[in-house]
Amino acid sequence: MASFIIEGGHRLEGNIVPQGAKNEALEVICATLLTPEEVRISNIPEILDVQHLIDLLRHLGVKVTRLSAGDYTFRADAVDLSYARSDEFMQKCAALRGSVMLVGPLLARFGEAVLAKPGGDKIGRRRVDTHLTGMQHLGASLDVDGPHTRYTLRADRLKGTYMLLDEASVTGTANIVMAAVLAEGVTTIYNAACEPYVQQLCRMLNGMGAKIEGVASNLLTITGVNALHGTEHRVLPDMIEVGSFIGMSAMLGGGLTIKDTSFYNLGNIPRAFQRLGVRLEVKGDDIVVPRQEHYEIETFLDGSFMTIDDAPWPGLTPDLLSVLIVVATQAKGSVLFHQKMFESRLFFVDRLIDMGAQIILCDPHRAVVVGHDQSLRLRARRMVSPDIRAGIALLIAALSADGVSRIDNVEQIDRGYEHIDERLNALGAHIKRV
């Protein structure tokens, strides 16, 4: 198990380029199973979750070639379906949440897919009902083996249909779309997730010969085709990493420029930081976060208490609430954070309270932060990273703290952030990996 030793109090200055988007990469890599032809994908983040998924595809018989850093080709012309039924495959899938999106492509192209209960972050119950129900709507049969730990889906040929999703699940939408592109007839998906990474998946599939209409809306219409061909695709910058860098800049920046952010696709993320008083300057696709000695939390127009909450796109992504909470600890004023989408994601604030932050955890979904206005620095502590997003939030807190902190289990951070210690050290941070 690796750890970070962090000497706090050093300002970050310079330019940094965000990595490719983890969530998009997981979707489009799974989509390469839909064709026997070569698919080239660039700007892939070389992080643990993505590498584990690529390793899964190699074991399935997909020919994977790394052309250069982040630039890969995939050719799924000899998929080993026996491996897709094996216990080893199930064990690997159970350790990786993104593996759930292998189901749609395998079922659509080969008529069978086996799903293990997916793993990943321990941030509350993350059900797979939307995925399974969507496949059943398309005509797949479902067999459940064991205490709901192994699901087998089968269909000779999926049939297009109308479906209203019970939740705007991002991975559920992606999975159903990948299944529907090879289904017979027309599939209509209402209440579909419409975040930029789902849009990117749809554009890539259309580039492979799919017929998907309504991209960027919550109503997708998919006319099935008999086969897809190869294509080339570039992954967007990771909006969560962009937001993480904005948070670091607010607390530690002596003037930091985040390059090539694809600003149009950030949605409400910049506005959420501005509500905390963080100044941002947008120059094309770059975001400049100037040095601020103080930043003050806004109130609503009627003077009422500021509330920041998460919601499906185009609402604020839940993945950034942990970073926003850390930034709020040094703002002037108070703010209520309402985490609606997961029931355990706020528990990490206990570590921030141990560091001296003034936070009231009201319940598993709500926390009130009373900012220090930079008058009281957080105290260094030894901590354990519970998941990717809480891990980066604790790293930001440690970078701003008085003294030397240690964060254990940083493999959780590595799952979502590529070489984060090296990249931040290049900006002036003092992080040692042990």
Protein backbone atom coordinates (compact mmCIF):
# COMPACT_ATOMS: atom_id res chain seq x y z
CA MET A 1 0.00 0.00 0.00
CA ALA A 2 1.43 3.38 -1.05
CA SER A 3 1.24 6.61 0.92
CA PHE A 4 1.82 10.31 0.32
CA ILE A 5 3.91 12.41 2.70
CA ILE A 6 2.79 16.01 2.16
CA GLU A 7 4.52 19.12 3.46
CA GLY A 8 1.81 21.75 3.55
CA GLY A 9 1.88 25.46 2.90
CA HIS A 10 3.64 25.63 -0.48
CA ARG A 11 2.02 27.71 -3.19
CA LEU A 12 1.26 26.24 -6.61
CA GLU A 13 2.18 28.27 -9.67
CA GLY A 14 2.43 27.67 -13.40
CA ASN A 15 0.46 25.78 -16.04
CA ILE A 16 -1.15 22.37 -15.85
CA VAL A 17 -3.01 20.33 -18.48
CA PRO A 18 -5.87 18.06 -17.33
CA GLN A 19 -5.75 14.39 -18.24
CA GLY A 20 -8.31 12.70 -20.45
CA ALA A 21 -11.67 12.01 -18.84
CA LYS A 22 -11.75 8.79 -16.86
CA ASN A 23 -15.51 8.27 -17.18
CA GLU A 24 -15.54 8.82 -20.93
CA ALA A 25 -12.53 6.56 -21.43
CA LEU A 26 -14.24 3.68 -19.62
CA GLU A 27 -17.31 4.03 -21.86
CA VAL A 28 -15.56 4.32 -25.23
CA ILE A 29 -13.06 1.54 -24.48
CA CYS A 30 -15.96 -0.83 -23.77
CA ALA A 31 -17.53 0.26 -27.08
CA THR A 32 -14.55 -1.13 -29.03
CA LEU A 33 -16.06 -4.59 -28.46
CA LEU A 34 -18.89 -3.69 -30.85
CA THR A 35 -16.80 -4.12 -34.00
CA PRO A 36 -14.11 -6.53 -35.25
CA GLU A 37 -12.38 -3.59 -36.92
CA GLU A 38 -9.65 -1.44 -35.39
CA VAL A 39 -10.65 1.51 -33.20
CA ARG A 40 -8.08 4.14 -32.24
CA ILE A 41 -8.63 6.22 -29.09
CA SER A 42 -6.33 9.04 -27.97
CA ASN A 43 -6.04 11.11 -24.78
CA ILE A 44 -6.79 8.05 -22.64
CA PRO A 45 -5.77 8.68 -19.02
CA GLU A 46 -3.29 6.05 -17.88
CA ILE A 47 -4.81 5.58 -14.44
CA LEU A 48 -5.50 2.39 -12.50
CA ASP A 49 -9.20 2.00 -13.33
CA VAL A 50 -8.60 2.49 -17.04
CA GLN A 51 -5.57 0.18 -17.06
CA HIS A 52 -7.58 -2.51 -15.30
CA LEU A 53 -10.30 -2.25 -17.95
CA ILE A 54 -7.75 -2.45 -20.77
CA ASP A 55 -6.26 -5.51 -19.05
CA LEU A 56 -9.73 -7.09 -18.99
CA LEU A 57 -10.09 -6.53 -22.73
CA ARG A 58 -6.69 -8.11 -23.38
CA HIS A 59 -7.78 -11.20 -21.41
CA LEU A 60 -10.94 -11.29 -23.53
CA GLY A 61 -8.76 -11.59 -26.62
CA VAL A 62 -8.89 -7.97 -27.78
CA LYS A 63 -5.67 -6.91 -29.52
CA VAL A 64 -4.53 -3.76 -27.72
CA THR A 65 -1.61 -1.68 -28.98
CA ARG A 66 -0.18 1.30 -27.10
CA LEU A 67 1.07 3.68 -29.77
CA SER A 68 2.23 6.32 -27.30
CA ALA A 69 1.18 7.72 -23.92
CA GLY A 70 -2.62 7.77 -23.92
CA ASP A 71 -2.91 6.67 -27.57
CA TYR A 72 -4.20 3.11 -28.12
CA THR A 73 -5.72 0.93 -30.80
CA PHE A 74 -8.20 -1.87 -30.08
CA ARG A 75 -9.21 -4.74 -32.38
CA ALA A 76 -11.88 -7.12 -31.07
CA ASP A 77 -11.80 -9.63 -33.92
CA ALA A 78 -11.14 -12.73 -31.79
CA VAL A 79 -13.07 -12.34 -28.54
CA ASP A 80 -12.80 -15.32 -26.17
CA LEU A 81 -16.36 -15.81 -24.88
CA SER A 82 -15.29 -18.69 -22.63
CA TYR A 83 -13.13 -16.27 -20.66
CA ALA A 84 -16.14 -13.94 -20.34
CA ARG A 85 -17.87 -16.77 -18.41
CA SER A 86 -14.90 -17.64 -16.20
CA ASP A 87 -14.53 -17.08 -12.46
CA GLU A 88 -11.37 -15.08 -13.09
CA PHE A 89 -13.30 -12.66 -15.32
CA MET A 90 -15.97 -12.35 -12.64
CA GLN A 91 -13.39 -11.57 -9.96
CA LYS A 92 -11.76 -8.88 -12.10
CA CYS A 93 -15.13 -7.34 -12.94
CA ALA A 94 -16.18 -7.32 -9.30
CA ALA A 95 -13.19 -5.08 -8.50
CA LEU A 96 -13.97 -2.50 -11.19
CA ARG A 97 -17.19 -0.52 -11.40
CA GLY A 98 -16.63 0.39 -15.06
CA SER A 99 -16.68 -3.26 -16.10
CA VAL A 100 -20.49 -3.16 -15.96
CA MET A 101 -20.40 -1.41 -19.36
CA LEU A 102 -18.97 -4.52 -21.01
CA VAL A 103 -22.43 -6.06 -20.78
CA GLY A 104 -24.11 -4.03 -23.53
CA PRO A 105 -21.45 -4.61 -26.20
CA LEU A 106 -21.01 -8.33 -25.39
CA LEU A 107 -24.75 -8.97 -25.37
CA ALA A 108 -25.41 -7.02 -28.56
CA ARG A 109 -22.61 -8.55 -30.60
CA PHE A 110 -22.30 -12.07 -29.18
CA GLY A 111 -25.73 -12.75 -27.66
CA GLU A 112 -24.50 -13.35 -24.11
CA ALA A 113 -22.99 -11.37 -21.25
CA VAL A 114 -22.22 -12.23 -17.64
CA LEU A 115 -22.22 -9.48 -15.02
CA ALA A 116 -20.63 -9.64 -11.59
CA LYS A 117 -21.83 -7.37 -8.81
CA PRO A 118 -19.56 -4.40 -9.57
CA GLY A 119 -17.08 -2.91 -7.14
CA GLY A 120 -15.32 0.45 -7.07
CA ASP A 121 -15.76 3.26 -4.59
CA LYS A 122 -17.45 2.59 -1.27
CA ILE A 123 -19.74 5.60 -1.47
CA GLY A 124 -23.11 4.04 -0.93
CA ARG A 125 -25.33 1.59 -2.75
CA ARG A 126 -24.88 1.79 -6.52
CA ARG A 127 -27.41 -0.54 -8.03
CA VAL A 128 -27.35 -2.18 -11.44
CA ASP A 129 -31.13 -2.41 -11.88
CA THR A 130 -31.19 0.19 -14.68
CA HIS A 131 -28.63 -1.80 -16.68
CA LEU A 132 -30.40 -5.13 -16.30
CA THR A 133 -33.89 -3.76 -16.83
CA GLY A 134 -32.74 -1.95 -19.96
CA MET A 135 -31.34 -5.18 -21.43
CA GLN A 136 -34.57 -7.00 -20.59
CA HIS A 137 -36.58 -4.29 -22.36
CA LEU A 138 -34.43 -5.00 -25.43
CA GLY A 139 -35.46 -8.67 -25.23
CA ALA A 140 -32.69 -10.29 -23.20
CA SER A 141 -33.42 -13.07 -20.73
CA LEU A 142 -31.90 -12.79 -17.25
CA ASP A 143 -30.65 -15.58 -14.98
CA VAL A 144 -29.45 -14.80 -11.46
CA ASP A 145 -26.92 -17.14 -9.83
CA GLY A 146 -26.05 -17.00 -6.14
CA PRO A 147 -27.02 -14.21 -3.73
CA HIS A 148 -27.36 -11.62 -6.53
CA THR A 149 -23.65 -11.74 -7.36
CA ARG A 150 -23.72 -13.16 -10.91
CA TYR A 151 -26.17 -12.18 -13.64
CA THR A 152 -26.31 -13.87 -17.05
CA LEU A 153 -28.06 -12.15 -19.96
CA ARG A 154 -28.83 -13.89 -23.26
CA ALA A 155 -30.51 -12.88 -26.53
CA ASP A 156 -30.26 -14.19 -30.08
CA ARG A 157 -30.92 -10.67 -31.41
CA LEU A 158 -31.95 -7.69 -29.35
CA LYS A 159 -35.16 -5.91 -30.40
CA GLY A 160 -35.64 -2.14 -30.41
CA THR A 161 -38.28 -0.75 -28.05
CA TYR A 162 -39.37 2.30 -26.05
CA MET A 163 -38.14 2.61 -22.48
CA LEU A 164 -38.40 5.21 -19.73
CA LEU A 165 -35.42 4.88 -17.41
CA ASP A 166 -36.18 4.97 -13.69
CA GLU A 167 -33.05 7.08 -13.16
CA ALA A 168 -30.80 9.09 -15.46
CA SER A 169 -27.93 6.68 -14.87
CA VAL A 170 -24.78 7.59 -16.80
CA THR A 171 -23.35 4.08 -17.01
CA GLY A 172 -26.85 2.64 -17.45
CA THR A 173 -27.54 4.93 -20.40
CA ALA A 174 -24.15 4.15 -21.94
CA ASN A 175 -24.71 0.41 -21.57
CA ILE A 176 -28.19 0.48 -23.10
CA VAL A 177 -27.07 2.69 -25.98
CA MET A 178 -24.21 0.30 -26.80
CA ALA A 179 -26.65 -2.61 -26.80
CA ALA A 180 -29.29 -0.80 -28.84
CA VAL A 181 -27.03 0.22 -31.73
CA LEU A 182 -26.96 -3.41 -32.94
CA ALA A 183 -30.58 -4.20 -32.01
CA GLU A 184 -33.24 -4.84 -34.63
CA GLY A 185 -35.52 -1.85 -35.13
CA VAL A 186 -35.77 1.47 -33.29
CA THR A 187 -35.01 2.02 -29.61
CA THR A 188 -36.19 5.13 -27.78
CA ILE A 189 -34.62 5.95 -24.42
CA TYR A 190 -36.34 8.63 -22.34
CA ASN A 191 -34.77 10.10 -19.17
CA ALA A 192 -31.39 9.21 -20.64
CA ALA A 193 -28.28 10.70 -19.06
CA CYS A 194 -26.98 13.48 -21.30
CA GLU A 195 -23.65 14.49 -19.77
CA PRO A 196 -20.79 15.31 -22.17
CA TYR A 197 -19.17 11.88 -21.85
CA VAL A 198 -22.37 10.11 -22.93
CA GLN A 199 -22.55 12.58 -25.81
CA GLN A 200 -18.99 11.65 -26.73
CA LEU A 201 -19.84 7.95 -26.68
CA CYS A 202 -22.80 8.57 -29.00
CA ARG A 203 -20.65 10.60 -31.40
CA MET A 204 -18.03 7.86 -31.47
CA LEU A 205 -20.69 5.21 -32.16
CA ASN A 206 -22.16 7.35 -34.95
CA GLY A 207 -18.64 7.57 -36.36
CA MET A 208 -18.63 3.75 -36.36
CA GLY A 209 -21.86 3.63 -38.38
CA ALA A 210 -24.52 3.76 -35.65
CA LYS A 211 -27.65 5.87 -36.07
CA ILE A 212 -28.25 7.78 -32.84
CA GLU A 213 -30.43 10.91 -32.76
CA GLY A 214 -31.07 13.33 -29.91
CA VAL A 215 -27.46 13.44 -28.72
CA ALA A 216 -27.10 15.97 -25.83
CA SER A 217 -30.77 15.54 -24.85
CA ASN A 218 -32.49 13.15 -22.46
CA LEU A 219 -34.45 11.56 -25.33
CA LEU A 220 -32.34 9.31 -27.54
CA THR A 221 -33.61 7.55 -30.65
CA ILE A 222 -31.46 4.70 -31.94
CA THR A 223 -32.05 2.89 -35.21
CA GLY A 224 -30.25 -0.43 -35.06
CA VAL A 225 -27.71 -1.45 -37.70
CA ASN A 226 -26.30 -4.85 -38.61
CA ALA A 227 -22.64 -4.05 -37.97
CA LEU A 228 -20.27 -1.25 -36.95
CA HIS A 229 -16.85 -0.39 -38.36
CA GLY A 230 -13.67 1.13 -36.99
CA THR A 231 -13.08 4.79 -36.20
CA GLU A 232 -10.79 7.25 -34.45
CA HIS A 233 -11.82 9.13 -31.31
CA ARG A 234 -10.27 11.61 -28.86
CA VAL A 235 -11.32 11.68 -25.21
CA LEU A 236 -12.34 15.03 -23.67
CA PRO A 237 -10.39 16.58 -20.77
CA ASP A 238 -11.53 15.32 -17.36
CA MET A 239 -13.97 17.84 -15.89
CA ILE A 240 -13.43 16.43 -12.38
CA GLU A 241 -9.69 16.98 -12.62
CA VAL A 242 -10.29 20.51 -13.92
CA GLY A 243 -12.50 21.18 -10.89
CA SER A 244 -9.90 19.66 -8.58
CA PHE A 245 -7.24 21.99 -9.98
CA ILE A 246 -9.55 24.99 -9.53
CA GLY A 247 -9.94 23.98 -5.87
CA MET A 248 -6.19 23.63 -5.39
CA SER A 249 -5.62 26.98 -7.07
CA ALA A 250 -8.14 28.72 -4.81
CA MET A 251 -6.47 27.47 -1.64
CA LEU A 252 -2.82 27.33 -2.71
CA GLY A 253 -2.38 29.17 -5.97
CA GLY A 254 0.02 31.98 -6.61
CA GLY A 255 -1.59 32.19 -10.04
CA LEU A 256 -2.36 28.89 -11.76
CA THR A 257 -3.45 28.36 -15.37
CA ILE A 258 -5.40 25.23 -16.29
CA LYS A 259 -4.89 24.62 -20.00
CA ASP A 260 -7.20 23.07 -22.61
CA THR A 261 -10.17 22.51 -20.30
CA SER A 262 -12.91 22.23 -22.98
CA PHE A 263 -14.65 24.98 -21.04
CA TYR A 264 -17.99 24.58 -22.83
CA ASN A 265 -18.30 21.04 -21.46
CA LEU A 266 -17.70 22.00 -17.80
CA GLY A 267 -21.34 22.96 -17.22
CA ASN A 268 -21.98 24.34 -13.73
CA ILE A 269 -18.54 23.51 -12.33
CA PRO A 270 -17.00 27.00 -12.70
CA ARG A 271 -20.14 28.61 -11.27
CA ALA A 272 -20.02 26.38 -8.18
CA PHE A 273 -16.53 27.66 -7.32
CA GLN A 274 -17.58 31.23 -8.04
CA ARG A 275 -20.37 30.82 -5.49
CA LEU A 276 -17.63 30.20 -2.94
CA GLY A 277 -15.98 33.47 -3.98
CA VAL A 278 -13.26 31.98 -6.18
CA ARG A 279 -12.29 34.30 -9.05
CA LEU A 280 -11.83 32.70 -12.47
CA GLU A 281 -10.62 34.21 -15.73
CA VAL A 282 -11.54 32.32 -18.89
CA LYS A 283 -9.22 32.73 -21.86
CA GLY A 284 -10.47 30.56 -24.69
CA ASP A 285 -10.33 27.01 -23.33
CA ASP A 286 -7.93 27.97 -20.52
CA ILE A 287 -8.93 28.88 -16.97
CA VAL A 288 -6.72 31.25 -14.97
CA VAL A 289 -7.19 31.21 -11.20
CA PRO A 290 -5.44 34.36 -9.89
CA ARG A 291 -3.96 34.55 -6.43
CA GLN A 292 -6.57 35.43 -3.81
CA GLU A 293 -5.80 36.17 -0.17
CA HIS A 294 -9.52 35.89 0.68
CA TYR A 295 -12.65 34.61 -1.00
CA GLU A 296 -16.19 35.08 0.32
CA ILE A 297 -19.17 32.75 -0.07
CA GLU A 298 -22.09 34.32 -1.89
CA THR A 299 -25.62 34.46 -0.55
CA PHE A 300 -28.75 34.13 -2.66
CA LEU A 301 -30.36 37.33 -3.95
CA ASP A 302 -32.80 37.42 -1.03
CA GLY A 303 -29.92 37.13 1.43
CA SER A 304 -30.62 33.53 2.35
CA PHE A 305 -27.99 30.92 3.19
CA MET A 306 -26.01 29.53 0.23
CA THR A 307 -26.77 25.90 -0.60
CA ILE A 308 -24.75 23.85 -3.09
CA ASP A 309 -26.17 20.50 -4.15
CA ASP A 310 -25.50 17.84 -6.75
CA ALA A 311 -27.80 16.65 -9.52
CA PRO A 312 -27.66 14.71 -12.79
CA TRP A 313 -26.23 16.67 -15.73
CA PRO A 314 -26.59 19.56 -16.39
CA GLY A 315 -26.63 19.85 -12.61
CA LEU A 316 -23.43 19.86 -10.55
CA THR A 317 -21.57 16.55 -10.57
CA PRO A 318 -21.43 14.79 -7.18
CA ASP A 319 -17.78 13.95 -7.83
CA LEU A 320 -16.72 17.51 -6.98
CA LEU A 321 -18.62 18.12 -3.75
CA SER A 322 -15.71 16.82 -1.66
CA VAL A 323 -13.32 19.32 -3.29
CA LEU A 324 -15.81 22.17 -2.87
CA ILE A 325 -16.18 21.32 0.82
CA VAL A 326 -12.42 21.61 1.36
CA VAL A 327 -12.32 24.95 -0.48
CA ALA A 328 -15.20 26.23 1.66
CA THR A 329 -13.24 25.56 4.88
CA GLN A 330 -10.99 28.56 4.12
CA ALA A 331 -13.66 30.87 2.65
CA LYS A 332 -15.40 33.71 4.48
CA GLY A 333 -18.96 32.74 5.34
CA SER A 334 -21.01 29.56 5.63
CA VAL A 335 -22.53 27.15 3.14
CA LEU A 336 -24.74 24.06 3.22
CA PHE A 337 -23.70 21.16 1.00
CA HIS A 338 -26.46 18.71 0.07
CA GLN A 339 -25.22 15.42 -1.38
CA LYS A 340 -28.38 13.89 -2.85
CA MET A 341 -27.09 11.10 -5.05
CA PHE A 342 -25.01 8.92 -2.66
CA GLU A 343 -25.57 8.27 1.02
CA SER A 344 -22.00 7.80 2.28
CA ARG A 345 -19.91 10.31 0.39
CA LEU A 346 -19.80 12.97 3.13
CA PHE A 347 -18.37 10.78 5.87
CA PHE A 348 -14.83 11.81 4.94
CA VAL A 349 -15.48 15.23 6.56
CA ASP A 350 -14.56 13.65 9.91
CA ARG A 351 -10.94 13.82 8.72
CA LEU A 352 -11.33 17.51 7.91
CA ILE A 353 -12.83 18.13 11.35
CA ASP A 354 -9.79 16.43 12.88
CA MET A 355 -7.67 18.89 10.89
CA GLY A 356 -9.51 21.82 12.49
CA ALA A 357 -12.22 22.51 9.92
CA GLN A 358 -15.53 23.82 11.22
CA ILE A 359 -18.04 21.43 9.71
CA ILE A 360 -21.36 20.15 11.02
CA LEU A 361 -22.35 16.81 9.49
CA CYS A 362 -26.13 17.06 9.73
CA ASP A 363 -26.83 13.59 8.29
CA PRO A 364 -25.37 11.30 5.58
CA HIS A 365 -26.49 13.78 2.92
CA ARG A 366 -25.92 17.27 4.36
CA ALA A 367 -23.00 19.18 5.84
CA VAL A 368 -22.64 22.82 6.90
CA VAL A 369 -19.19 24.38 6.50
CA VAL A 370 -18.25 27.52 8.43
CA GLY A 371 -15.23 29.01 6.68
CA HIS A 372 -12.05 30.11 8.48
CA ASP A 373 -11.41 33.03 6.09
CA GLN A 374 -7.73 31.98 6.01
CA SER A 375 -7.38 33.03 9.66
CA LEU A 376 -6.86 29.46 10.89
CA ARG A 377 -4.93 26.95 8.82
CA LEU A 378 -5.83 23.30 8.86
CA ARG A 379 -3.60 21.04 10.96
CA ALA A 380 -1.53 18.23 9.47
CA ARG A 381 -2.79 14.72 10.18
CA ARG A 382 -2.37 11.10 9.16
CA MET A 383 -5.34 9.95 7.09
CA VAL A 384 -6.57 7.14 4.86
CA SER A 385 -8.08 7.78 1.42
CA PRO A 386 -11.53 6.10 1.38
CA ASP A 387 -12.27 6.68 -2.33
CA ILE A 388 -11.03 8.62 -5.35
CA ARG A 389 -12.83 11.92 -4.78
CA ALA A 390 -12.48 12.06 -1.01
CA GLY A 391 -8.83 11.15 -1.54
CA ILE A 392 -8.12 14.17 -3.75
CA ALA A 393 -10.02 16.40 -1.31
CA LEU A 394 -7.85 15.18 1.56
CA LEU A 395 -4.76 15.78 -0.58
CA ILE A 396 -5.83 19.39 -1.18
CA ALA A 397 -6.46 19.81 2.55
CA ALA A 398 -3.02 18.39 3.35
CA LEU A 399 -1.34 20.67 0.80
CA SER A 400 -2.85 23.68 2.58
CA ALA A 401 -2.29 22.42 6.14
CA ASP A 402 0.26 23.56 8.68
CA GLY A 403 2.85 20.76 9.01
CA VAL A 404 3.47 17.37 7.42
CA SER A 405 0.54 15.06 6.68
CA ARG A 406 0.42 11.45 5.56
CA ILE A 407 -2.31 9.94 3.39
CA ASP A 408 -2.40 6.15 3.20
CA ASN A 409 -4.12 3.99 0.57
CA VAL A 410 -3.31 6.49 -2.19
CA GLU A 411 -4.00 3.76 -4.75
CA GLN A 412 -7.55 5.08 -4.45
CA ILE A 413 -6.34 8.48 -5.71
CA ASP A 414 -4.28 6.77 -8.43
CA ARG A 415 -7.48 5.17 -9.72
CA GLY A 416 -8.64 8.59 -10.94
CA TYR A 417 -5.62 10.91 -11.15
CA GLU A 418 -2.59 10.20 -13.32
CA HIS A 419 0.82 10.81 -11.67
CA ILE A 420 -0.82 13.45 -9.48
CA ASP A 421 2.15 13.74 -7.11
CA GLU A 422 4.65 14.35 -9.93
CA ARG A 423 2.41 16.87 -11.69
CA LEU A 424 1.74 18.88 -8.52
CA ASN A 425 5.39 18.78 -7.47
CA ALA A 426 6.21 20.42 -10.81
CA LEU A 427 3.97 23.32 -9.72
CA GLY A 428 5.64 23.73 -6.32
CA ALA A 429 4.00 21.12 -4.10
CA HIS A 430 6.08 18.96 -1.74
CA ILE A 431 4.65 15.43 -2.03
CA LYS A 432 6.67 12.27 -1.49
CA ARG A 433 5.34 8.85 -2.44
CA VAL A 434 6.41 6.02 -0.08
